[in-house]
N, C-alpha and C. Protein backbone atom coordinates (compact mmCIF):
# COMPACT_ATOMS: atom_id res chain seq x y z
N MET A 1 87.30 113.63 80.32
CA MET A 1 87.02 113.22 81.71
C MET A 1 86.82 111.76 81.78
N THR A 2 87.33 111.11 82.77
CA THR A 2 87.24 109.60 82.89
C THR A 2 86.04 109.27 83.67
N ASP A 3 85.16 108.36 83.21
CA ASP A 3 84.08 107.88 83.98
C ASP A 3 84.64 107.05 85.11
N GLU A 4 84.02 107.15 86.35
CA GLU A 4 84.50 106.39 87.41
C GLU A 4 84.38 104.88 87.24
N ARG A 5 83.53 104.48 86.32
CA ARG A 5 83.36 103.07 85.96
C ARG A 5 84.62 102.57 85.25
N ASP A 6 85.43 103.42 84.62
CA ASP A 6 86.60 103.07 83.96
C ASP A 6 87.83 103.05 84.91
N ALA A 7 87.64 103.58 86.13
CA ALA A 7 88.76 103.67 87.05
C ALA A 7 89.26 102.36 87.39
N GLU A 8 90.56 102.25 87.77
CA GLU A 8 91.16 101.05 88.10
C GLU A 8 90.65 100.47 89.44
N LEU A 9 90.36 99.21 89.48
CA LEU A 9 89.97 98.47 90.69
C LEU A 9 91.17 97.91 91.42
N GLU A 10 91.21 98.09 92.69
CA GLU A 10 92.28 97.38 93.52
C GLU A 10 91.63 96.89 94.75
N VAL A 11 92.07 95.63 95.09
CA VAL A 11 91.66 94.98 96.32
C VAL A 11 92.95 94.76 97.18
N HIS A 12 92.86 95.32 98.37
CA HIS A 12 94.07 95.23 99.30
C HIS A 12 93.66 94.46 100.62
N PRO A 13 94.52 93.47 100.98
CA PRO A 13 94.31 92.93 102.34
C PRO A 13 94.97 93.92 103.30
N LEU A 14 94.35 94.19 104.36
CA LEU A 14 94.83 95.11 105.44
C LEU A 14 94.89 94.27 106.69
N SER A 15 95.98 93.57 106.91
CA SER A 15 96.09 92.59 108.09
C SER A 15 95.97 93.32 109.38
N ALA A 16 96.53 94.58 109.47
CA ALA A 16 96.44 95.28 110.73
C ALA A 16 95.03 95.63 111.10
N SER A 17 94.11 95.88 110.17
CA SER A 17 92.73 96.17 110.50
C SER A 17 91.85 94.98 110.21
N LEU A 18 92.35 93.85 109.89
CA LEU A 18 91.63 92.65 109.69
C LEU A 18 90.43 92.82 108.70
N ARG A 19 90.76 93.35 107.53
CA ARG A 19 89.81 93.52 106.45
C ARG A 19 90.48 93.53 105.09
N TYR A 20 89.66 93.29 104.09
CA TYR A 20 90.09 93.58 102.70
C TYR A 20 89.31 94.74 102.26
N GLU A 21 89.89 95.65 101.45
CA GLU A 21 89.22 96.74 100.91
C GLU A 21 89.28 96.73 99.39
N ILE A 22 88.26 97.23 98.76
CA ILE A 22 88.24 97.40 97.30
C ILE A 22 88.14 98.87 97.12
N ARG A 23 88.99 99.39 96.13
CA ARG A 23 89.00 100.85 95.87
C ARG A 23 88.77 100.98 94.35
N VAL A 24 88.09 102.01 93.97
CA VAL A 24 87.91 102.43 92.64
C VAL A 24 88.62 103.71 92.52
N GLY A 25 89.79 103.72 91.87
CA GLY A 25 90.65 104.84 91.80
C GLY A 25 91.19 105.08 93.25
N ASP A 26 90.99 106.28 93.74
CA ASP A 26 91.38 106.62 95.08
C ASP A 26 90.34 106.46 96.16
N GLU A 27 89.12 106.10 95.71
CA GLU A 27 87.97 106.05 96.65
C GLU A 27 87.75 104.59 97.15
N LEU A 28 87.52 104.51 98.47
CA LEU A 28 87.11 103.25 99.09
C LEU A 28 85.73 102.97 98.67
N ALA A 29 85.57 101.82 97.98
CA ALA A 29 84.25 101.42 97.50
C ALA A 29 83.59 100.38 98.34
N GLY A 30 84.44 99.59 99.14
CA GLY A 30 83.83 98.58 99.99
C GLY A 30 84.89 97.88 100.76
N PHE A 31 84.48 96.96 101.66
CA PHE A 31 85.41 96.18 102.44
C PHE A 31 84.61 94.99 102.98
N THR A 32 85.46 93.98 103.38
CA THR A 32 84.89 92.78 104.03
C THR A 32 85.81 92.57 105.28
N GLU A 33 85.19 92.30 106.45
CA GLU A 33 85.95 92.17 107.69
C GLU A 33 86.03 90.73 108.04
N PHE A 34 87.06 90.36 108.78
CA PHE A 34 87.35 88.98 109.18
C PHE A 34 88.10 89.00 110.53
N VAL A 35 88.06 87.88 111.11
CA VAL A 35 88.89 87.61 112.33
C VAL A 35 89.43 86.21 112.10
N ASP A 36 90.70 85.95 112.49
CA ASP A 36 91.32 84.57 112.37
C ASP A 36 91.19 83.96 113.71
N SER A 37 90.93 82.67 113.67
CA SER A 37 90.80 81.76 114.86
C SER A 37 91.46 80.49 114.50
N GLY A 38 92.60 80.19 114.96
CA GLY A 38 93.32 78.93 114.57
C GLY A 38 93.62 79.01 113.09
N GLU A 39 93.22 77.99 112.42
CA GLU A 39 93.41 77.98 110.86
C GLU A 39 92.18 78.53 110.25
N GLN A 40 91.22 79.04 110.88
CA GLN A 40 90.03 79.57 110.25
C GLN A 40 90.06 81.01 110.08
N ARG A 41 89.57 81.50 109.00
CA ARG A 41 89.31 82.93 108.73
C ARG A 41 87.78 83.11 108.65
N ILE A 42 87.30 83.79 109.68
CA ILE A 42 85.90 84.03 109.90
C ILE A 42 85.52 85.35 109.29
N PHE A 43 84.72 85.33 108.15
CA PHE A 43 84.26 86.52 107.52
C PHE A 43 82.88 86.87 108.13
N PHE A 44 82.78 88.05 108.73
CA PHE A 44 81.56 88.43 109.44
C PHE A 44 80.86 89.71 108.86
N HIS A 45 81.42 90.44 108.01
CA HIS A 45 80.72 91.62 107.57
C HIS A 45 81.26 92.12 106.23
N THR A 46 80.45 92.45 105.25
CA THR A 46 80.84 92.97 103.93
C THR A 46 79.91 94.18 103.64
N GLU A 47 80.58 95.21 103.11
CA GLU A 47 79.79 96.44 102.78
C GLU A 47 80.44 97.04 101.54
N VAL A 48 79.54 97.51 100.65
CA VAL A 48 79.90 98.24 99.42
C VAL A 48 79.09 99.51 99.39
N ASP A 49 79.71 100.63 99.17
CA ASP A 49 79.06 101.92 99.13
C ASP A 49 78.02 101.91 98.00
N GLU A 50 76.84 102.44 98.32
CA GLU A 50 75.74 102.51 97.36
C GLU A 50 76.16 103.14 96.01
N ARG A 51 77.05 104.05 96.07
CA ARG A 51 77.47 104.69 94.83
C ARG A 51 78.11 103.75 93.82
N PHE A 52 78.57 102.56 94.29
CA PHE A 52 79.31 101.65 93.51
C PHE A 52 78.45 100.34 93.28
N ALA A 53 77.20 100.36 93.76
CA ALA A 53 76.33 99.27 93.63
C ALA A 53 76.10 98.84 92.14
N GLY A 54 75.83 97.53 91.99
CA GLY A 54 75.54 96.95 90.68
C GLY A 54 76.65 96.79 89.71
N ARG A 55 77.88 96.86 90.20
CA ARG A 55 79.09 96.76 89.35
C ARG A 55 79.84 95.48 89.61
N GLY A 56 79.38 94.64 90.47
CA GLY A 56 80.06 93.35 90.80
C GLY A 56 81.25 93.57 91.70
N LEU A 57 81.32 94.74 92.34
CA LEU A 57 82.53 94.98 93.18
C LEU A 57 82.57 94.09 94.45
N ALA A 58 81.42 93.77 95.00
CA ALA A 58 81.39 92.92 96.15
C ALA A 58 81.85 91.51 95.78
N SER A 59 81.46 90.99 94.65
CA SER A 59 81.91 89.66 94.20
C SER A 59 83.45 89.73 93.87
N THR A 60 83.90 90.77 93.34
CA THR A 60 85.39 90.83 93.06
C THR A 60 86.07 90.89 94.40
N LEU A 61 85.63 91.70 95.35
CA LEU A 61 86.22 91.70 96.67
C LEU A 61 86.27 90.37 97.34
N ILE A 62 85.09 89.73 97.45
CA ILE A 62 84.95 88.49 98.08
C ILE A 62 85.85 87.39 97.45
N ARG A 63 85.83 87.35 96.11
CA ARG A 63 86.68 86.34 95.41
C ARG A 63 88.18 86.48 95.73
N THR A 64 88.58 87.78 95.70
CA THR A 64 90.04 88.08 96.00
C THR A 64 90.35 87.72 97.46
N ALA A 65 89.45 88.03 98.41
CA ALA A 65 89.68 87.75 99.84
C ALA A 65 89.74 86.27 99.99
N LEU A 66 88.79 85.46 99.39
CA LEU A 66 88.84 84.00 99.57
C LEU A 66 90.09 83.37 98.91
N ASP A 67 90.40 83.87 97.75
CA ASP A 67 91.62 83.38 97.12
C ASP A 67 92.87 83.57 97.99
N ASP A 68 92.93 84.75 98.53
CA ASP A 68 94.03 85.10 99.47
C ASP A 68 94.03 84.25 100.74
N ALA A 69 92.90 84.12 101.31
CA ALA A 69 92.80 83.29 102.56
C ALA A 69 93.17 81.85 102.29
N THR A 70 92.58 81.30 101.21
CA THR A 70 92.90 79.86 101.00
C THR A 70 94.35 79.65 100.58
N SER A 71 94.92 80.63 99.90
CA SER A 71 96.34 80.44 99.53
C SER A 71 97.18 80.52 100.74
N ARG A 72 96.79 81.01 101.83
CA ARG A 72 97.52 81.10 103.15
C ARG A 72 97.14 79.87 104.04
N GLY A 73 96.38 78.97 103.50
CA GLY A 73 96.06 77.74 104.27
C GLY A 73 94.95 78.00 105.20
N ARG A 74 94.14 79.04 105.04
CA ARG A 74 93.05 79.31 105.91
C ARG A 74 91.78 78.49 105.53
N ARG A 75 91.01 78.16 106.44
CA ARG A 75 89.63 77.60 106.25
C ARG A 75 88.65 78.85 106.28
N ILE A 76 87.61 78.74 105.55
CA ILE A 76 86.60 79.84 105.49
C ILE A 76 85.44 79.58 106.33
N VAL A 77 85.06 80.49 107.16
CA VAL A 77 83.82 80.42 107.90
C VAL A 77 82.98 81.65 107.49
N PRO A 78 81.85 81.39 106.80
CA PRO A 78 81.06 82.44 106.21
C PRO A 78 79.89 82.99 107.15
N ILE A 79 80.14 83.70 108.19
CA ILE A 79 79.10 84.29 108.90
C ILE A 79 78.37 85.36 108.13
N CYS A 80 79.17 86.18 107.41
CA CYS A 80 78.57 87.21 106.59
C CYS A 80 77.62 86.59 105.49
N PRO A 81 76.36 87.06 105.51
CA PRO A 81 75.44 86.60 104.48
C PRO A 81 75.90 86.71 103.06
N PHE A 82 76.62 87.79 102.75
CA PHE A 82 77.04 87.98 101.31
C PHE A 82 78.08 86.99 100.98
N VAL A 83 79.03 86.69 101.93
CA VAL A 83 80.09 85.68 101.72
C VAL A 83 79.46 84.27 101.57
N ALA A 84 78.50 83.97 102.44
CA ALA A 84 77.78 82.68 102.33
C ALA A 84 77.06 82.55 101.02
N GLY A 85 76.41 83.59 100.54
CA GLY A 85 75.73 83.54 99.24
C GLY A 85 76.77 83.27 98.18
N PHE A 86 77.84 84.03 98.19
CA PHE A 86 78.92 83.90 97.19
C PHE A 86 79.35 82.39 97.09
N LEU A 87 79.63 81.83 98.28
CA LEU A 87 80.11 80.46 98.33
C LEU A 87 79.10 79.52 97.82
N ASP A 88 77.80 79.73 98.01
CA ASP A 88 76.74 78.89 97.47
C ASP A 88 76.81 78.81 95.95
N LYS A 89 77.29 79.89 95.32
CA LYS A 89 77.35 79.95 93.87
C LYS A 89 78.67 79.62 93.29
N HIS A 90 79.70 79.46 94.10
CA HIS A 90 81.06 79.29 93.60
C HIS A 90 81.59 78.06 94.37
N LEU A 91 81.26 76.90 93.85
CA LEU A 91 81.59 75.60 94.51
C LEU A 91 83.11 75.29 94.44
N GLU A 92 83.91 76.09 93.73
CA GLU A 92 85.31 75.80 93.75
C GLU A 92 85.94 76.06 95.14
N PHE A 93 85.19 76.72 96.02
CA PHE A 93 85.74 76.94 97.38
C PHE A 93 85.25 75.92 98.36
N VAL A 94 84.37 75.04 97.99
CA VAL A 94 83.64 74.13 98.98
C VAL A 94 84.57 73.39 99.86
N GLU A 95 85.75 72.90 99.35
CA GLU A 95 86.71 72.10 100.12
C GLU A 95 87.38 72.98 101.29
N TYR A 96 87.24 74.29 101.21
CA TYR A 96 87.83 75.18 102.15
C TYR A 96 86.87 75.75 103.15
N VAL A 97 85.62 75.37 103.08
CA VAL A 97 84.60 75.96 103.97
C VAL A 97 84.26 75.13 105.18
N ASP A 98 84.28 75.76 106.31
CA ASP A 98 83.82 75.15 107.61
C ASP A 98 82.44 75.72 107.90
N ALA A 99 81.69 74.97 108.68
CA ALA A 99 80.39 75.41 109.08
C ALA A 99 80.44 76.54 110.10
N VAL A 100 79.40 77.36 110.07
CA VAL A 100 79.35 78.48 111.08
C VAL A 100 78.90 77.77 112.37
N THR A 101 79.57 78.05 113.46
CA THR A 101 79.27 77.43 114.73
C THR A 101 79.06 78.48 115.84
N PRO A 102 78.49 78.11 116.93
CA PRO A 102 78.46 79.07 118.01
C PRO A 102 79.87 79.62 118.47
N ALA A 103 80.86 78.73 118.39
CA ALA A 103 82.24 79.16 118.71
C ALA A 103 82.72 80.24 117.77
N ALA A 104 82.35 80.12 116.50
CA ALA A 104 82.75 81.18 115.52
C ALA A 104 82.07 82.47 115.85
N HIS A 105 80.77 82.40 116.15
CA HIS A 105 80.04 83.64 116.57
C HIS A 105 80.65 84.25 117.82
N ARG A 106 81.08 83.40 118.85
CA ARG A 106 81.69 83.99 120.06
C ARG A 106 83.01 84.63 119.69
N THR A 107 83.78 84.07 118.84
CA THR A 107 85.04 84.69 118.43
C THR A 107 84.85 86.04 117.81
N VAL A 108 83.86 86.21 116.97
CA VAL A 108 83.59 87.53 116.40
C VAL A 108 83.12 88.49 117.46
N LEU A 109 82.25 88.01 118.36
CA LEU A 109 81.77 88.91 119.51
C LEU A 109 82.90 89.35 120.36
N GLN A 110 83.83 88.46 120.64
CA GLN A 110 85.03 88.83 121.45
C GLN A 110 85.90 89.85 120.78
N PHE A 111 86.01 89.67 119.44
CA PHE A 111 86.83 90.53 118.64
C PHE A 111 86.21 91.94 118.62
N ARG A 112 84.93 91.99 118.51
CA ARG A 112 84.25 93.34 118.26
C ARG A 112 84.08 94.09 119.61
N THR A 113 84.32 93.44 120.74
CA THR A 113 84.11 94.15 121.98
C THR A 113 85.36 94.56 122.62
């Protein structure tokens, strides 16, 4: 029997639903949501299922999402506290980060309604 900790991890960008997902085997383990505004990618929510907590999946998910966004020429706006905390610890992304502004919050609110 294979321990789920040994299952293959996959991170997928889902542009139609504006999120990245991380899967462990066939199970959805977590996701981060975003909305694009001009050249900015505004990350506003990240969630990892409690069953997968403590395995670094959120960090893997966020790193992959940020790598993808910056490779596409996007600037990062970290409204999500987890993304903001990740960026505080990973200064290699600092040149791609824009400040969170009221306009960014309005963009997310418009997207969610």
